PDB file of N, CA and C in Angstrom:
ATOM      1  N   UNK A   1      -5.131  50.455 140.730  1.00  0.00           N
ATOM      2  CA  UNK A   1      -3.805  50.658 141.458  1.00  0.00           C
ATOM      3  C   UNK A   1      -3.559  52.019 141.350  1.00  0.00           C
ATOM      4  N   UNK A   2      -3.118  52.738 142.624  1.00  0.00           N
ATOM      5  CA  UNK A   2      -3.087  54.376 142.382  1.00  0.00           C
ATOM      6  C   UNK A   2      -1.777  54.334 142.261  1.00  0.00           C
ATOM      7  N   UNK A   3      -1.273  55.168 141.727  1.00  0.00           N
ATOM      8  CA  UNK A   3      -0.085  55.687 141.307  1.00  0.00           C
ATOM      9  C   UNK A   3       0.501  56.551 142.721  1.00  0.00           C
ATOM     10  N   UNK A   4       1.560  56.250 143.228  1.00  0.00           N
ATOM     11  CA  UNK A   4       2.222  56.889 144.389  1.00  0.00           C
ATOM     12  C   UNK A   4       2.597  58.474 143.819  1.00  0.00           C
ATOM     13  N   UNK A   5       2.262  59.294 144.774  1.00  0.00           N
ATOM     14  CA  UNK A   5       2.698  60.986 144.504  1.00  0.00           C
ATOM     15  C   UNK A   5       4.379  60.753 144.165  1.00  0.00           C
ATOM     16  N   UNK A   6       4.815  61.649 143.716  1.00  0.00           N
ATOM     17  CA  UNK A   6       6.202  61.698 143.213  1.00  0.00           C
ATOM     18  C   UNK A   6       6.921  62.824 144.160  1.00  0.00           C
ATOM     19  N   UNK A   7       7.579  62.325 145.082  1.00  0.00           N
ATOM     20  CA  UNK A   7       8.258  63.410 145.925  1.00  0.00           C
ATOM     21  C   UNK A   7       9.443  63.857 145.489  1.00  0.00           C
ATOM     22  N   UNK A   8       9.553  64.865 144.075  1.00  0.00           N
ATOM     23  CA  UNK A   8      10.803  65.129 143.853  1.00  0.00           C
ATOM     24  C   UNK A   8      10.972  66.498 143.946  1.00  0.00           C
ATOM     25  N   UNK A   9      12.067  66.961 143.924  1.00  0.00           N
ATOM     26  CA  UNK A   9      12.734  68.385 144.156  1.00  0.00           C
ATOM     27  C   UNK A   9      12.599  69.133 142.963  1.00  0.00           C
ATOM     28  N   UNK A  10      12.588  70.329 142.789  1.00  0.00           N
ATOM     29  CA  UNK A  10      12.569  71.028 141.553  1.00  0.00           C
ATOM     30  C   UNK A  10      13.801  70.922 140.790  1.00  0.00           C
ATOM     31  N   UNK A  11      14.900  70.564 141.304  1.00  0.00           N
ATOM     32  CA  UNK A  11      16.020  69.992 140.612  1.00  0.00           C
ATOM     33  C   UNK A  11      16.030  68.636 139.781  1.00  0.00           C
ATOM     34  N   UNK A  12      15.050  67.806 140.529  1.00  0.00           N
ATOM     35  CA  UNK A  12      14.731  66.660 140.113  1.00  0.00           C
ATOM     36  C   UNK A  12      14.152  66.783 138.837  1.00  0.00           C
ATOM     37  N   UNK A  13      13.119  67.477 138.740  1.00  0.00           N
ATOM     38  CA  UNK A  13      12.236  67.888 137.656  1.00  0.00           C
ATOM     39  C   UNK A  13      13.025  68.542 136.541  1.00  0.00           C
ATOM     40  N   UNK A  14      13.865  69.473 136.853  1.00  0.00           N
ATOM     41  CA  UNK A  14      14.719  70.153 135.713  1.00  0.00           C
ATOM     42  C   UNK A  14      15.453  68.721 135.071  1.00  0.00           C
ATOM     43  N   UNK A  15      15.991  67.946 135.924  1.00  0.00           N
ATOM     44  CA  UNK A  15      16.881  67.092 135.389  1.00  0.00           C
ATOM     45  C   UNK A  15      15.856  66.043 134.235  1.00  0.00           C
ATOM     46  N   UNK A  16      15.021  65.724 134.809  1.00  0.00           N
ATOM     47  CA  UNK A  16      14.002  65.086 133.903  1.00  0.00           C
ATOM     48  C   UNK A  16      13.446  65.749 132.793  1.00  0.00           C
ATOM     49  N   UNK A  17      13.094  66.834 132.850  1.00  0.00           N
ATOM     50  CA  UNK A  17      12.867  67.585 131.450  1.00  0.00           C
ATOM     51  C   UNK A  17      14.175  67.828 130.822  1.00  0.00           C
ATOM     52  N   UNK A  18      15.258  68.175 131.230  1.00  0.00           N
ATOM     53  CA  UNK A  18      16.597  68.075 130.424  1.00  0.00           C
ATOM     54  C   UNK A  18      16.860  66.948 129.804  1.00  0.00           C
ATOM     55  N   UNK A  19      16.430  65.764 130.304  1.00  0.00           N
ATOM     56  CA  UNK A  19      16.942  64.233 129.892  1.00  0.00           C
ATOM     57  C   UNK A  19      15.811  64.283 128.849  1.00  0.00           C
ATOM     58  N   UNK A  20      14.576  64.418 128.838  1.00  0.00           N
ATOM     59  CA  UNK A  20      13.590  64.094 127.774  1.00  0.00           C
ATOM     60  C   UNK A  20      13.979  65.210 126.769  1.00  0.00           C
ATOM     61  N   UNK A  21      14.406  66.429 126.649  1.00  0.00           N
ATOM     62  CA  UNK A  21      14.832  67.028 125.743  1.00  0.00           C
ATOM     63  C   UNK A  21      16.053  66.542 125.054  1.00  0.00           C
ATOM     64  N   UNK A  22      16.851  66.106 125.655  1.00  0.00           N
ATOM     65  CA  UNK A  22      18.174  65.428 125.074  1.00  0.00           C
ATOM     66  C   UNK A  22      17.875  64.143 124.136  1.00  0.00           C
ATOM     67  N   UNK A  23      16.973  63.442 125.020  1.00  0.00           N
ATOM     68  CA  UNK A  23      16.599  62.228 124.290  1.00  0.00           C
ATOM     69  C   UNK A  23      16.000  62.552 123.021  1.00  0.00           C
ATOM     70  N   UNK A  24      14.873  63.354 122.767  1.00  0.00           N
ATOM     71  CA  UNK A  24      14.255  63.793 121.782  1.00  0.00           C
ATOM     72  C   UNK A  24      15.141  64.145 120.587  1.00  0.00           C
ATOM     73  N   UNK A  25      16.173  65.045 121.024  1.00  0.00           N
ATOM     74  CA  UNK A  25      17.339  65.541 120.147  1.00  0.00           C
ATOM     75  C   UNK A  25      18.301  64.183 119.523  1.00  0.00           C
ATOM     76  N   UNK A  26      18.499  63.239 120.108  1.00  0.00           N
ATOM     77  CA  UNK A  26      19.082  62.148 119.934  1.00  0.00           C
ATOM     78  C   UNK A  26      18.363  61.213 119.208  1.00  0.00           C
ATOM     79  N   UNK A  27      17.313  61.239 119.286  1.00  0.00           N
ATOM     80  CA  UNK A  27      16.096  60.218 118.491  1.00  0.00           C
ATOM     81  C   UNK A  27      16.172  61.045 117.138  1.00  0.00           C
ATOM     82  N   UNK A  28      16.091  62.455 117.104  1.00  0.00           N
ATOM     83  CA  UNK A  28      16.200  63.178 115.712  1.00  0.00           C
ATOM     84  C   UNK A  28      17.560  62.807 114.938  1.00  0.00           C
ATOM     85  N   UNK A  29      18.458  62.756 115.785  1.00  0.00           N
ATOM     86  CA  UNK A  29      20.023  62.517 114.928  1.00  0.00           C
ATOM     87  C   UNK A  29      19.829  61.047 114.598  1.00  0.00           C
ATOM     88  N   UNK A  30      19.630  60.207 115.226  1.00  0.00           N
ATOM     89  CA  UNK A  30      19.704  58.779 114.844  1.00  0.00           C
ATOM     90  C   UNK A  30      18.510  58.413 113.624  1.00  0.00           C
ATOM     91  N   UNK A  31      17.485  59.256 113.733  1.00  0.00           N
ATOM     92  CA  UNK A  31      16.540  58.879 112.631  1.00  0.00           C
ATOM     93  C   UNK A  31      17.112  59.198 111.154  1.00  0.00           C
ATOM     94  N   UNK A  32      18.263  59.717 110.908  1.00  0.00           N
ATOM     95  CA  UNK A  32      18.785  59.903 109.623  1.00  0.00           C
ATOM     96  C   UNK A  32      19.460  58.608 109.274  1.00  0.00           C
ATOM     97  N   UNK A  33      20.012  57.735 110.105  1.00  0.00           N
ATOM     98  CA  UNK A  33      20.497  56.612 109.597  1.00  0.00           C
ATOM     99  C   UNK A  33      19.477  55.299 109.413  1.00  0.00           C
ATOM    100  N   UNK A  34      18.339  55.444 109.431  1.00  0.00           N
ATOM    101  CA  UNK A  34      17.532  54.441 109.293  1.00  0.00           C
ATOM    102  C   UNK A  34      16.360  54.430 108.208  1.00  0.00           C
ATOM    103  N   UNK A  35      15.863  53.394 107.733  1.00  0.00           N
ATOM    104  CA  UNK A  35      14.985  53.378 106.888  1.00  0.00           C
ATOM    105  C   UNK A  35      13.620  54.194 107.198  1.00  0.00           C
ATOM    106  N   UNK A  36      12.763  54.637 106.086  1.00  0.00           N
ATOM    107  CA  UNK A  36      11.565  55.528 106.168  1.00  0.00           C
ATOM    108  C   UNK A  36      10.737  55.077 107.394  1.00  0.00           C
ATOM    109  N   UNK A  37      10.430  53.852 107.232  1.00  0.00           N
ATOM    110  CA  UNK A  37       9.308  53.175 108.310  1.00  0.00           C
ATOM    111  C   UNK A  37       9.802  53.272 109.613  1.00  0.00           C
ATOM    112  N   UNK A  38      11.070  53.094 109.837  1.00  0.00           N
ATOM    113  CA  UNK A  38      11.599  53.306 111.367  1.00  0.00           C
ATOM    114  C   UNK A  38      11.681  54.585 111.552  1.00  0.00           C
ATOM    115  N   UNK A  39      12.320  55.722 110.591  1.00  0.00           N
ATOM    116  CA  UNK A  39      12.289  57.086 110.920  1.00  0.00           C
ATOM    117  C   UNK A  39      11.161  57.620 111.667  1.00  0.00           C
ATOM    118  N   UNK A  40       9.861  57.031 111.053  1.00  0.00           N
ATOM    119  CA  UNK A  40       8.723  57.708 111.337  1.00  0.00           C
ATOM    120  C   UNK A  40       8.250  57.455 112.908  1.00  0.00           C
ATOM    121  N   UNK A  41       8.714  56.127 113.464  1.00  0.00           N
ATOM    122  CA  UNK A  41       8.610  55.523 114.806  1.00  0.00           C
ATOM    123  C   UNK A  41       9.580  56.326 115.774  1.00  0.00           C
ATOM    124  N   UNK A  42      10.669  56.709 115.117  1.00  0.00           N
ATOM    125  CA  UNK A  42      11.629  57.758 116.007  1.00  0.00           C
ATOM    126  C   UNK A  42      10.926  59.233 116.070  1.00  0.00           C
ATOM    127  N   UNK A  43      10.499  59.681 114.899  1.00  0.00           N
ATOM    128  CA  UNK A  43      10.217  60.892 115.247  1.00  0.00           C
ATOM    129  C   UNK A  43       8.695  60.872 115.874  1.00  0.00           C
ATOM    130  N   UNK A  44       7.960  59.997 116.142  1.00  0.00           N
ATOM    131  CA  UNK A  44       6.797  59.823 116.876  1.00  0.00           C
ATOM    132  C   UNK A  44       7.189  60.042 118.455  1.00  0.00           C
ATOM    133  N   UNK A  45       8.623  59.273 118.800  1.00  0.00           N
ATOM    134  CA  UNK A  45       9.015  59.079 120.091  1.00  0.00           C
ATOM    135  C   UNK A  45       9.550  60.396 120.249  1.00  0.00           C
ATOM    136  N   UNK A  46      10.072  60.816 119.227  1.00  0.00           N
ATOM    137  CA  UNK A  46      10.863  62.350 119.628  1.00  0.00           C
ATOM    138  C   UNK A  46       9.681  63.382 120.115  1.00  0.00           C
ATOM    139  N   UNK A  47       8.705  63.201 119.332  1.00  0.00           N
ATOM    140  CA  UNK A  47       7.549  64.219 119.648  1.00  0.00           C
ATOM    141  C   UNK A  47       7.070  63.950 120.780  1.00  0.00           C
ATOM    142  N   UNK A  48       6.797  62.837 121.416  1.00  0.00           N
ATOM    143  CA  UNK A  48       6.416  62.435 122.424  1.00  0.00           C
ATOM    144  C   UNK A  48       7.095  63.041 123.744  1.00  0.00           C
ATOM    145  N   UNK A  49       8.664  62.522 123.530  1.00  0.00           N
ATOM    146  CA  UNK A  49       9.535  63.220 124.640  1.00  0.00           C
ATOM    147  C   UNK A  49       9.366  64.694 124.770  1.00  0.00           C
ATOM    148  N   UNK A  50       9.569  65.345 123.711  1.00  0.00           N
ATOM    149  CA  UNK A  50       9.570  66.946 123.572  1.00  0.00           C
ATOM    150  C   UNK A  50       8.452  67.279 124.203  1.00  0.00           C
ATOM    151  N   UNK A  51       7.217  66.769 123.880  1.00  0.00           N
ATOM    152  CA  UNK A  51       6.048  67.342 124.271  1.00  0.00           C
ATOM    153  C   UNK A  51       5.680  67.088 125.850  1.00  0.00           C
ATOM    154  N   UNK A  52       6.228  65.853 126.271  1.00  0.00           N
ATOM    155  CA  UNK A  52       6.368  65.671 127.902  1.00  0.00           C
ATOM    156  C   UNK A  52       7.165  66.864 128.313  1.00  0.00           C
ATOM    157  N   UNK A  53       8.719  66.938 127.692  1.00  0.00           N
ATOM    158  CA  UNK A  53       9.392  67.991 128.578  1.00  0.00           C
ATOM    159  C   UNK A  53       8.698  69.269 128.744  1.00  0.00           C
ATOM    160  N   UNK A  54       7.903  69.514 127.530  1.00  0.00           N
ATOM    161  CA  UNK A  54       6.997  71.130 127.623  1.00  0.00           C
ATOM    162  C   UNK A  54       5.943  70.991 128.431  1.00  0.00           C
ATOM    163  N   UNK A  55       5.399  70.132 128.476  1.00  0.00           N
ATOM    164  CA  UNK A  55       4.215  69.814 129.627  1.00  0.00           C
ATOM    165  C   UNK A  55       5.006  69.865 131.134  1.00  0.00           C
ATOM    166  N   UNK A  56       6.002  69.087 131.462  1.00  0.00           N
ATOM    167  CA  UNK A  56       6.814  69.346 132.692  1.00  0.00           C
ATOM    168  C   UNK A  56       7.101  70.746 132.843  1.00  0.00           C
ATOM    169  N   UNK A  57       7.489  71.547 131.779  1.00  0.00           N
ATOM    170  CA  UNK A  57       7.973  72.906 132.243  1.00  0.00           C
ATOM    171  C   UNK A  57       6.748  73.618 132.500  1.00  0.00           C
ATOM    172  N   UNK A  58       5.581  73.499 131.514  1.00  0.00           N
ATOM    173  CA  UNK A  58       4.342  74.483 131.832  1.00  0.00           C
ATOM    174  C   UNK A  58       3.793  74.205 133.018  1.00  0.00           C
ATOM    175  N   UNK A  59       3.543  72.925 133.182  1.00  0.00           N
ATOM    176  CA  UNK A  59       2.412  72.663 134.218  1.00  0.00           C
ATOM    177  C   UNK A  59       2.993  71.968 135.579  1.00  0.00           C
ATOM    178  N   UNK A  60       4.268  71.619 135.401  1.00  0.00           N
ATOM    179  CA  UNK A  60       4.878  71.050 136.446  1.00  0.00           C
ATOM    180  C   UNK A  60       4.864  71.848 137.638  1.00  0.00           C
ATOM    181  N   UNK A  61       5.584  71.129 138.824  1.00  0.00           N
ATOM    182  CA  UNK A  61       5.265  71.393 140.111  1.00  0.00           C
ATOM    183  C   UNK A  61       6.458  72.502 140.699  1.00  0.00           C
ATOM    184  N   UNK A  62       6.952  73.278 139.698  1.00  0.00           N
ATOM    185  CA  UNK A  62       7.954  74.218 139.795  1.00  0.00           C
ATOM    186  C   UNK A  62       7.936  75.101 138.724  1.00  0.00           C
ATOM    187  N   UNK A  63       8.666  76.139 138.930  1.00  0.00           N
ATOM    188  CA  UNK A  63       8.548  77.093 137.796  1.00  0.00           C
ATOM    189  C   UNK A  63       9.989  77.025 137.143  1.00  0.00           C
ATOM    190  N   UNK A  64      10.099  76.728 135.785  1.00  0.00           N
ATOM    191  CA  UNK A  64      11.575  76.179 135.347  1.00  0.00           C
ATOM    192  C   UNK A  64      12.154  77.633 134.698  1.00  0.00           C
ATOM    193  N   UNK A  65      13.627  77.679 134.899  1.00  0.00           N
ATOM    194  CA  UNK A  65      14.382  78.919 134.532  1.00  0.00           C
ATOM    195  C   UNK A  65      14.169  78.999 133.054  1.00  0.00           C
TER     196      UNK A  65
END
């Protein structure tokens, strides 16, 4: 099954990038209130969100400010 192309405006891509960064920061803050095994999972998810935000900024279909 082919993935349909995303027809998003530059403003939409900015929102997605910023939301991923916000989510990454939120996961980091939440990680302080959980046990170590759960913390590792939250940090892995945080890293994935921040990496995707960075990827969107660097190779996305627009030039982020």
